[in-house]
Amino acid sequence: MSRFVALVAIVSTASFVATGGYKLVPQPIAQQVKETTDPSCNIKGNVSIETGERIYHVPGQKFYAMTRIDPAYGERWFCSEADAQAAGWRKSRR
């Protein structure tokens, strides 16, 4: 019986690797995760502590430099203002 189990494990592993199963995250999801966590996209999507409102900041705005992104709170980076607006975020007024 142990030879059978070993054979099944070897064949399953080979099949898994041969079909590209070693990729833990499918590519479209991986790209989406990169876009939300990648600081090379320089628009900061911040969730207001006081109101829970989703506000994005662009470079040059008053609070841009002090804004910190924490994905644990649903905060993220955007690569364009259009992306931020399409996701339901509004631009900071300052």
PDB file of N, CA and C in Angstrom:
ATOM      1  N   MET A   1       0.821  -1.199   0.000  1.00  0.00           N
ATOM      2  CA  MET A   1       0.000   0.000   0.000  1.00  0.00           C
ATOM      3  C   MET A   1       0.862   1.259   0.000  1.00  0.00           C
ATOM      4  N   SER A   2       1.980   1.261   0.697  1.00  0.00           N
ATOM      5  CA  SER A   2       2.800   2.464   0.761  1.00  0.00           C
ATOM      6  C   SER A   2       3.415   2.803  -0.594  1.00  0.00           C
ATOM      7  N   ARG A   3       3.689   1.797  -1.434  1.00  0.00           N
ATOM      8  CA  ARG A   3       4.203   2.080  -2.776  1.00  0.00           C
ATOM      9  C   ARG A   3       3.133   2.789  -3.602  1.00  0.00           C
ATOM     10  N   PHE A   4       1.903   2.354  -3.432  1.00  0.00           N
ATOM     11  CA  PHE A   4       0.797   2.979  -4.157  1.00  0.00           C
ATOM     12  C   PHE A   4       0.657   4.451  -3.755  1.00  0.00           C
ATOM     13  N   VAL A   5       0.714   4.722  -2.475  1.00  0.00           N
ATOM     14  CA  VAL A   5       0.601   6.098  -1.981  1.00  0.00           C
ATOM     15  C   VAL A   5       1.752   6.946  -2.516  1.00  0.00           C
ATOM     16  N   ALA A   6       2.957   6.404  -2.507  1.00  0.00           N
ATOM     17  CA  ALA A   6       4.117   7.134  -3.018  1.00  0.00           C
ATOM     18  C   ALA A   6       3.964   7.405  -4.511  1.00  0.00           C
ATOM     19  N   LEU A   7       3.495   6.411  -5.260  1.00  0.00           N
ATOM     20  CA  LEU A   7       3.292   6.574  -6.697  1.00  0.00           C
ATOM     21  C   LEU A   7       2.247   7.650  -6.987  1.00  0.00           C
ATOM     22  N   VAL A   8       1.145   7.630  -6.252  1.00  0.00           N
ATOM     23  CA  VAL A   8       0.101   8.637  -6.431  1.00  0.00           C
ATOM     24  C   VAL A   8       0.659  10.029  -6.115  1.00  0.00           C
ATOM     25  N   ALA A   9       1.428  10.147  -5.064  1.00  0.00           N
ATOM     26  CA  ALA A   9       2.006  11.437  -4.689  1.00  0.00           C
ATOM     27  C   ALA A   9       2.954  11.949  -5.769  1.00  0.00           C
ATOM     28  N   ILE A  10       3.781  11.081  -6.307  1.00  0.00           N
ATOM     29  CA  ILE A  10       4.733  11.483  -7.344  1.00  0.00           C
ATOM     30  C   ILE A  10       4.012  11.895  -8.616  1.00  0.00           C
ATOM     31  N   VAL A  11       3.054  11.085  -9.052  1.00  0.00           N
ATOM     32  CA  VAL A  11       2.310  11.385 -10.277  1.00  0.00           C
ATOM     33  C   VAL A  11       1.486  12.662 -10.103  1.00  0.00           C
ATOM     34  N   SER A  12       0.873  12.832  -8.965  1.00  0.00           N
ATOM     35  CA  SER A  12       0.079  14.038  -8.710  1.00  0.00           C
ATOM     36  C   SER A  12       0.953  15.284  -8.724  1.00  0.00           C
ATOM     37  N   THR A  13       2.094  15.207  -8.095  1.00  0.00           N
ATOM     38  CA  THR A  13       3.007  16.346  -8.061  1.00  0.00           C
ATOM     39  C   THR A  13       3.508  16.687  -9.459  1.00  0.00           C
ATOM     40  N   ALA A  14       3.895  15.672 -10.217  1.00  0.00           N
ATOM     41  CA  ALA A  14       4.374  15.898 -11.586  1.00  0.00           C
ATOM     42  C   ALA A  14       3.280  16.529 -12.440  1.00  0.00           C
ATOM     43  N   SER A  15       2.072  16.036 -12.311  1.00  0.00           N
ATOM     44  CA  SER A  15       0.946  16.578 -13.076  1.00  0.00           C
ATOM     45  C   SER A  15       0.661  18.024 -12.671  1.00  0.00           C
ATOM     46  N   PHE A  16       0.710  18.294 -11.395  1.00  0.00           N
ATOM     47  CA  PHE A  16       0.462  19.636 -10.869  1.00  0.00           C
ATOM     48  C   PHE A  16       1.476  20.630 -11.439  1.00  0.00           C
ATOM     49  N   VAL A  17       2.751  20.264 -11.391  1.00  0.00           N
ATOM     50  CA  VAL A  17       3.808  21.147 -11.876  1.00  0.00           C
ATOM     51  C   VAL A  17       3.746  21.285 -13.397  1.00  0.00           C
ATOM     52  N   ALA A  18       3.480  20.189 -14.108  1.00  0.00           N
ATOM     53  CA  ALA A  18       3.452  20.208 -15.575  1.00  0.00           C
ATOM     54  C   ALA A  18       2.337  21.090 -16.127  1.00  0.00           C
ATOM     55  N   THR A  19       1.250  21.232 -15.403  1.00  0.00           N
ATOM     56  CA  THR A  19       0.125  22.041 -15.888  1.00  0.00           C
ATOM     57  C   THR A  19       0.188  23.483 -15.404  1.00  0.00           C
ATOM     58  N   GLY A  20       1.298  23.860 -14.776  1.00  0.00           N
ATOM     59  CA  GLY A  20       1.434  25.242 -14.316  1.00  0.00           C
ATOM     60  C   GLY A  20       0.798  25.473 -12.962  1.00  0.00           C
ATOM     61  N   GLY A  21       0.473  24.430 -12.245  1.00  0.00           N
ATOM     62  CA  GLY A  21      -0.173  24.553 -10.946  1.00  0.00           C
ATOM     63  C   GLY A  21       0.708  25.154  -9.875  1.00  0.00           C
ATOM     64  N   TYR A  22       1.986  25.268 -10.169  1.00  0.00           N
ATOM     65  CA  TYR A  22       2.903  25.848  -9.196  1.00  0.00           C
ATOM     66  C   TYR A  22       2.681  27.339  -9.007  1.00  0.00           C
ATOM     67  N   LYS A  23       1.942  27.949  -9.903  1.00  0.00           N
ATOM     68  CA  LYS A  23       1.613  29.362  -9.739  1.00  0.00           C
ATOM     69  C   LYS A  23       0.514  29.465  -8.690  1.00  0.00           C
ATOM     70  N   LEU A  24       0.840  30.042  -7.567  1.00  0.00           N
ATOM     71  CA  LEU A  24      -0.100  30.062  -6.455  1.00  0.00           C
ATOM     72  C   LEU A  24      -1.266  31.010  -6.666  1.00  0.00           C
ATOM     73  N   VAL A  25      -1.047  32.079  -7.436  1.00  0.00           N
ATOM     74  CA  VAL A  25      -2.097  33.063  -7.665  1.00  0.00           C
ATOM     75  C   VAL A  25      -2.281  33.215  -9.171  1.00  0.00           C
ATOM     76  N   PRO A  26      -3.488  33.039  -9.691  1.00  0.00           N
ATOM     77  CA  PRO A  26      -3.709  33.233 -11.126  1.00  0.00           C
ATOM     78  C   PRO A  26      -3.283  34.637 -11.558  1.00  0.00           C
ATOM     79  N   GLN A  27      -2.807  34.773 -12.787  1.00  0.00           N
ATOM     80  CA  GLN A  27      -2.234  36.031 -13.266  1.00  0.00           C
ATOM     81  C   GLN A  27      -3.160  37.239 -13.138  1.00  0.00           C
ATOM     82  N   PRO A  28      -4.453  37.174 -13.542  1.00  0.00           N
ATOM     83  CA  PRO A  28      -5.293  38.372 -13.387  1.00  0.00           C
ATOM     84  C   PRO A  28      -5.401  38.833 -11.932  1.00  0.00           C
ATOM     85  N   ILE A  29      -5.478  37.883 -11.006  1.00  0.00           N
ATOM     86  CA  ILE A  29      -5.549  38.238  -9.585  1.00  0.00           C
ATOM     87  C   ILE A  29      -4.213  38.816  -9.134  1.00  0.00           C
ATOM     88  N   ALA A  30      -3.116  38.214  -9.592  1.00  0.00           N
ATOM     89  CA  ALA A  30      -1.792  38.715  -9.222  1.00  0.00           C
ATOM     90  C   ALA A  30      -1.611  40.151  -9.694  1.00  0.00           C
ATOM     91  N   GLN A  31      -2.076  40.468 -10.905  1.00  0.00           N
ATOM     92  CA  GLN A  31      -1.967  41.836 -11.419  1.00  0.00           C
ATOM     93  C   GLN A  31      -2.804  42.794 -10.579  1.00  0.00           C
ATOM     94  N   GLN A  32      -4.006  42.371 -10.203  1.00  0.00           N
ATOM     95  CA  GLN A  32      -4.873  43.225  -9.391  1.00  0.00           C
ATOM     96  C   GLN A  32      -4.232  43.491  -8.032  1.00  0.00           C
ATOM     97  N   VAL A  33      -3.653  42.459  -7.428  1.00  0.00           N
ATOM     98  CA  VAL A  33      -2.987  42.628  -6.137  1.00  0.00           C
ATOM     99  C   VAL A  33      -1.818  43.589  -6.285  1.00  0.00           C
ATOM    100  N   LYS A  34      -1.044  43.455  -7.354  1.00  0.00           N
ATOM    101  CA  LYS A  34       0.089  44.352  -7.583  1.00  0.00           C
ATOM    102  C   LYS A  34      -0.391  45.796  -7.691  1.00  0.00           C
ATOM    103  N   GLU A  35      -1.467  46.009  -8.416  1.00  0.00           N
ATOM    104  CA  GLU A  35      -1.965  47.369  -8.598  1.00  0.00           C
ATOM    105  C   GLU A  35      -2.453  47.986  -7.291  1.00  0.00           C
ATOM    106  N   THR A  36      -2.960  47.167  -6.383  1.00  0.00           N
ATOM    107  CA  THR A  36      -3.475  47.722  -5.132  1.00  0.00           C
ATOM    108  C   THR A  36      -2.391  47.920  -4.088  1.00  0.00           C
ATOM    109  N   THR A  37      -1.265  47.241  -4.248  1.00  0.00           N
ATOM    110  CA  THR A  37      -0.226  47.318  -3.230  1.00  0.00           C
ATOM    111  C   THR A  37       1.084  47.879  -3.749  1.00  0.00           C
ATOM    112  N   ASP A  38       1.147  48.240  -5.007  1.00  0.00           N
ATOM    113  CA  ASP A  38       2.396  48.659  -5.625  1.00  0.00           C
ATOM    114  C   ASP A  38       2.588  50.171  -5.526  1.00  0.00           C
ATOM    115  N   PRO A  39       3.567  50.623  -4.724  1.00  0.00           N
ATOM    116  CA  PRO A  39       3.791  52.059  -4.586  1.00  0.00           C
ATOM    117  C   PRO A  39       4.302  52.733  -5.864  1.00  0.00           C
ATOM    118  N   SER A  40       4.638  51.967  -6.914  1.00  0.00           N
ATOM    119  CA  SER A  40       5.032  52.626  -8.162  1.00  0.00           C
ATOM    120  C   SER A  40       3.817  53.300  -8.798  1.00  0.00           C
ATOM    121  N   CYS A  41       2.624  52.859  -8.413  1.00  0.00           N
ATOM    122  CA  CYS A  41       1.402  53.582  -8.759  1.00  0.00           C
ATOM    123  C   CYS A  41       1.285  54.643  -7.667  1.00  0.00           C
ATOM    124  N   ASN A  42       1.363  55.916  -8.017  1.00  0.00           N
ATOM    125  CA  ASN A  42       1.591  56.943  -6.993  1.00  0.00           C
ATOM    126  C   ASN A  42       0.350  57.666  -6.475  1.00  0.00           C
ATOM    127  N   ILE A  43      -0.832  57.169  -6.742  1.00  0.00           N
ATOM    128  CA  ILE A  43      -2.041  57.780  -6.187  1.00  0.00           C
ATOM    129  C   ILE A  43      -2.441  56.971  -4.955  1.00  0.00           C
ATOM    130  N   LYS A  44      -2.561  57.647  -3.827  1.00  0.00           N
ATOM    131  CA  LYS A  44      -2.820  56.976  -2.555  1.00  0.00           C
ATOM    132  C   LYS A  44      -4.308  56.956  -2.239  1.00  0.00           C
ATOM    133  N   GLY A  45      -4.860  55.763  -2.101  1.00  0.00           N
ATOM    134  CA  GLY A  45      -6.255  55.609  -1.711  1.00  0.00           C
ATOM    135  C   GLY A  45      -6.327  55.391  -0.212  1.00  0.00           C
ATOM    136  N   ASN A  46      -6.871  56.366   0.495  1.00  0.00           N
ATOM    137  CA  ASN A  46      -6.885  56.365   1.956  1.00  0.00           C
ATOM    138  C   ASN A  46      -8.321  56.302   2.465  1.00  0.00           C
ATOM    139  N   VAL A  47      -8.544  55.552   3.547  1.00  0.00           N
ATOM    140  CA  VAL A  47      -9.867  55.484   4.170  1.00  0.00           C
ATOM    141  C   VAL A  47      -9.846  56.391   5.393  1.00  0.00           C
ATOM    142  N   SER A  48     -10.772  57.343   5.444  1.00  0.00           N
ATOM    143  CA  SER A  48     -10.838  58.291   6.552  1.00  0.00           C
ATOM    144  C   SER A  48     -11.146  57.566   7.857  1.00  0.00           C
ATOM    145  N   ILE A  49     -10.362  57.838   8.879  1.00  0.00           N
ATOM    146  CA  ILE A  49     -10.593  57.241  10.197  1.00  0.00           C
ATOM    147  C   ILE A  49     -11.910  57.737  10.781  1.00  0.00           C
ATOM    148  N   GLU A  50     -12.209  59.000  10.575  1.00  0.00           N
ATOM    149  CA  GLU A  50     -13.401  59.613  11.172  1.00  0.00           C
ATOM    150  C   GLU A  50     -14.702  59.197  10.498  1.00  0.00           C
ATOM    151  N   THR A  51     -14.697  59.136   9.165  1.00  0.00           N
ATOM    152  CA  THR A  51     -15.959  58.907   8.447  1.00  0.00           C
ATOM    153  C   THR A  51     -16.018  57.595   7.677  1.00  0.00           C
ATOM    154  N   GLY A  52     -14.868  56.971   7.451  1.00  0.00           N
ATOM    155  CA  GLY A  52     -14.829  55.759   6.642  1.00  0.00           C
ATOM    156  C   GLY A  52     -14.885  56.050   5.149  1.00  0.00           C
ATOM    157  N   GLU A  53     -14.884  57.340   4.801  1.00  0.00           N
ATOM    158  CA  GLU A  53     -14.958  57.741   3.400  1.00  0.00           C
ATOM    159  C   GLU A  53     -13.658  57.381   2.677  1.00  0.00           C
ATOM    160  N   ARG A  54     -13.798  56.967   1.427  1.00  0.00           N
ATOM    161  CA  ARG A  54     -12.641  56.613   0.604  1.00  0.00           C
ATOM    162  C   ARG A  54     -12.186  57.835  -0.188  1.00  0.00           C
ATOM    163  N   ILE A  55     -10.972  58.279   0.102  1.00  0.00           N
ATOM    164  CA  ILE A  55     -10.431  59.500  -0.491  1.00  0.00           C
ATOM    165  C   ILE A  55      -9.074  59.170  -1.114  1.00  0.00           C
ATOM    166  N   TYR A  56      -8.845  59.671  -2.323  1.00  0.00           N
ATOM    167  CA  TYR A  56      -7.522  59.465  -2.910  1.00  0.00           C
ATOM    168  C   TYR A  56      -6.755  60.782  -2.979  1.00  0.00           C
ATOM    169  N   HIS A  57      -5.438  60.655  -2.873  1.00  0.00           N
ATOM    170  CA  HIS A  57      -4.533  61.805  -2.867  1.00  0.00           C
ATOM    171  C   HIS A  57      -3.545  61.655  -4.018  1.00  0.00           C
ATOM    172  N   VAL A  58      -3.299  62.745  -4.721  1.00  0.00           N
ATOM    173  CA  VAL A  58      -2.320  62.738  -5.810  1.00  0.00           C
ATOM    174  C   VAL A  58      -1.097  63.542  -5.385  1.00  0.00           C
ATOM    175  N   PRO A  59       0.065  63.243  -5.975  1.00  0.00           N
ATOM    176  CA  PRO A  59       1.275  63.989  -5.614  1.00  0.00           C
ATOM    177  C   PRO A  59       1.058  65.494  -5.766  1.00  0.00           C
ATOM    178  N   GLY A  60       1.557  66.236  -4.783  1.00  0.00           N
ATOM    179  CA  GLY A  60       1.429  67.689  -4.799  1.00  0.00           C
ATOM    180  C   GLY A  60       0.298  68.207  -3.926  1.00  0.00           C
ATOM    181  N   GLN A  61      -0.624  67.346  -3.532  1.00  0.00           N
ATOM    182  CA  GLN A  61      -1.704  67.796  -2.652  1.00  0.00           C
ATOM    183  C   GLN A  61      -1.187  67.933  -1.219  1.00  0.00           C
ATOM    184  N   LYS A  62      -1.895  68.720  -0.435  1.00  0.00           N
ATOM    185  CA  LYS A  62      -1.469  69.078   0.920  1.00  0.00           C
ATOM    186  C   LYS A  62      -1.147  67.864   1.797  1.00  0.00           C
ATOM    187  N   PHE A  63      -2.003  66.851   1.797  1.00  0.00           N
ATOM    188  CA  PHE A  63      -1.819  65.722   2.711  1.00  0.00           C
ATOM    189  C   PHE A  63      -1.183  64.497   2.057  1.00  0.00           C
ATOM    190  N   TYR A  64      -0.710  64.641   0.821  1.00  0.00           N
ATOM    191  CA  TYR A  64      -0.147  63.494   0.111  1.00  0.00           C
ATOM    192  C   TYR A  64       1.034  62.884   0.864  1.00  0.00           C
ATOM    193  N   ALA A  65       2.002  63.700   1.237  1.00  0.00           N
ATOM    194  CA  ALA A  65       3.226  63.193   1.866  1.00  0.00           C
ATOM    195  C   ALA A  65       2.959  62.511   3.204  1.00  0.00           C
ATOM    196  N   MET A  66       1.995  63.005   3.961  1.00  0.00           N
ATOM    197  CA  MET A  66       1.741  62.423   5.286  1.00  0.00           C
ATOM    198  C   MET A  66       0.775  61.234   5.243  1.00  0.00           C
ATOM    199  N   THR A  67       0.149  61.008   4.105  1.00  0.00           N
ATOM    200  CA  THR A  67      -0.798  59.902   3.987  1.00  0.00           C
ATOM    201  C   THR A  67      -0.043  58.586   3.883  1.00  0.00           C
ATOM    202  N   ARG A  68      -0.399  57.638   4.718  1.00  0.00           N
ATOM    203  CA  ARG A  68       0.200  56.305   4.718  1.00  0.00           C
ATOM    204  C   ARG A  68      -0.857  55.305   4.276  1.00  0.00           C
ATOM    205  N   ILE A  69      -0.449  54.333   3.481  1.00  0.00           N
ATOM    206  CA  ILE A  69      -1.367  53.325   2.970  1.00  0.00           C
ATOM    207  C   ILE A  69      -1.216  52.051   3.789  1.00  0.00           C
ATOM    208  N   ASP A  70      -2.328  51.557   4.313  1.00  0.00           N
ATOM    209  CA  ASP A  70      -2.345  50.306   5.069  1.00  0.00           C
ATOM    210  C   ASP A  70      -3.419  49.402   4.472  1.00  0.00           C
ATOM    211  N   PRO A  71      -3.015  48.400   3.678  1.00  0.00           N
ATOM    212  CA  PRO A  71      -3.999  47.506   3.052  1.00  0.00           C
ATOM    213  C   PRO A  71      -4.923  46.811   4.055  1.00  0.00           C
ATOM    214  N   ALA A  72      -4.500  46.686   5.304  1.00  0.00           N
ATOM    215  CA  ALA A  72      -5.345  46.050   6.319  1.00  0.00           C
ATOM    216  C   ALA A  72      -6.629  46.840   6.555  1.00  0.00           C
ATOM    217  N   TYR A  73      -6.601  48.131   6.248  1.00  0.00           N
ATOM    218  CA  TYR A  73      -7.782  48.984   6.409  1.00  0.00           C
ATOM    219  C   TYR A  73      -8.510  49.227   5.090  1.00  0.00           C
ATOM    220  N   GLY A  74      -8.124  48.477   4.057  1.00  0.00           N
ATOM    221  CA  GLY A  74      -8.760  48.638   2.756  1.00  0.00           C
ATOM    222  C   GLY A  74      -8.147  49.753   1.930  1.00  0.00           C
ATOM    223  N   GLU A  75      -7.026  50.285   2.399  1.00  0.00           N
ATOM    224  CA  GLU A  75      -6.357  51.351   1.663  1.00  0.00           C
ATOM    225  C   GLU A  75      -5.497  50.738   0.566  1.00  0.00           C
ATOM    226  N   ARG A  76      -5.266  51.523  -0.501  1.00  0.00           N
ATOM    227  CA  ARG A  76      -4.550  50.970  -1.643  1.00  0.00           C
ATOM    228  C   ARG A  76      -3.932  52.053  -2.495  1.00  0.00           C
ATOM    229  N   TRP A  77      -3.144  51.638  -3.459  1.00  0.00           N
ATOM    230  CA  TRP A  77      -2.541  52.523  -4.448  1.00  0.00           C
ATOM    231  C   TRP A  77      -3.350  52.439  -5.729  1.00  0.00           C
ATOM    232  N   PHE A  78      -3.409  53.548  -6.461  1.00  0.00           N
ATOM    233  CA  PHE A  78      -4.037  53.573  -7.779  1.00  0.00           C
ATOM    234  C   PHE A  78      -3.011  54.072  -8.785  1.00  0.00           C
ATOM    235  N   CYS A  79      -3.136  53.595 -10.021  1.00  0.00           N
ATOM    236  CA  CYS A  79      -2.217  54.021 -11.078  1.00  0.00           C
ATOM    237  C   CYS A  79      -2.760  55.206 -11.862  1.00  0.00           C
ATOM    238  N   SER A  80      -4.041  55.504 -11.711  1.00  0.00           N
ATOM    239  CA  SER A  80      -4.619  56.674 -12.385  1.00  0.00           C
ATOM    240  C   SER A  80      -5.816  57.178 -11.588  1.00  0.00           C
ATOM    241  N   GLU A  81      -6.149  58.441 -11.785  1.00  0.00           N
ATOM    242  CA  GLU A  81      -7.327  59.001 -11.123  1.00  0.00           C
ATOM    243  C   GLU A  81      -8.588  58.312 -11.627  1.00  0.00           C
ATOM    244  N   ALA A  82      -8.590  57.940 -12.900  1.00  0.00           N
ATOM    245  CA  ALA A  82      -9.753  57.244 -13.461  1.00  0.00           C
ATOM    246  C   ALA A  82      -9.980  55.912 -12.752  1.00  0.00           C
ATOM    247  N   ASP A  83      -8.888  55.196 -12.440  1.00  0.00           N
ATOM    248  CA  ASP A  83      -9.009  53.931 -11.703  1.00  0.00           C
ATOM    249  C   ASP A  83      -9.604  54.174 -10.320  1.00  0.00           C
ATOM    250  N   ALA A  84      -9.134  55.214  -9.649  1.00  0.00           N
ATOM    251  CA  ALA A  84      -9.626  55.528  -8.305  1.00  0.00           C
ATOM    252  C   ALA A  84     -11.111  55.875  -8.339  1.00  0.00           C
ATOM    253  N   GLN A  85     -11.504  56.702  -9.290  1.00  0.00           N
ATOM    254  CA  GLN A  85     -12.909  57.098  -9.398  1.00  0.00           C
ATOM    255  C   GLN A  85     -13.794  55.914  -9.770  1.00  0.00           C
ATOM    256  N   ALA A  86     -13.302  55.059 -10.660  1.00  0.00           N
ATOM    257  CA  ALA A  86     -14.075  53.879 -11.064  1.00  0.00           C
ATOM    258  C   ALA A  86     -14.281  52.925  -9.892  1.00  0.00           C
ATOM    259  N   ALA A  87     -13.340  52.940  -8.942  1.00  0.00           N
ATOM    260  CA  ALA A  87     -13.453  52.083  -7.761  1.00  0.00           C
ATOM    261  C   ALA A  87     -14.300  52.723  -6.666  1.00  0.00           C
ATOM    262  N   GLY A  88     -14.804  53.947  -6.916  1.00  0.00           N
ATOM    263  CA  GLY A  88     -15.688  54.597  -5.956  1.00  0.00           C
ATOM    264  C   GLY A  88     -15.008  55.538  -4.981  1.00  0.00           C
ATOM    265  N   TRP A  89     -13.792  55.955  -5.263  1.00  0.00           N
ATOM    266  CA  TRP A  89     -13.059  56.860  -4.385  1.00  0.00           C
ATOM    267  C   TRP A  89     -13.195  58.281  -4.915  1.00  0.00           C
ATOM    268  N   ARG A  90     -13.158  59.262  -4.017  1.00  0.00           N
ATOM    269  CA  ARG A  90     -13.218  60.661  -4.443  1.00  0.00           C
ATOM    270  C   ARG A  90     -11.868  61.320  -4.181  1.00  0.00           C
ATOM    271  N   LYS A  91     -11.597  62.378  -4.933  1.00  0.00           N
ATOM    272  CA  LYS A  91     -10.338  63.100  -4.793  1.00  0.00           C
ATOM    273  C   LYS A  91     -10.367  63.974  -3.541  1.00  0.00           C
ATOM    274  N   SER A  92      -9.235  64.054  -2.866  1.00  0.00           N
ATOM    275  CA  SER A  92      -9.107  64.926  -1.702  1.00  0.00           C
ATOM    276  C   SER A  92      -9.345  66.372  -2.118  1.00  0.00           C
ATOM    277  N   ARG A  93     -10.020  67.112  -1.276  1.00  0.00           N
ATOM    278  CA  ARG A  93     -10.312  68.517  -1.586  1.00  0.00           C
ATOM    279  C   ARG A  93      -9.117  69.422  -1.313  1.00  0.00           C
ATOM    280  N   ARG A  94      -8.113  68.890  -0.606  1.00  0.00           N
ATOM    281  CA  ARG A  94      -6.936  69.708  -0.282  1.00  0.00           C
ATOM    282  C   ARG A  94      -5.683  69.074  -0.811  1.00  0.00           C
TER     283      ARG A  94
END
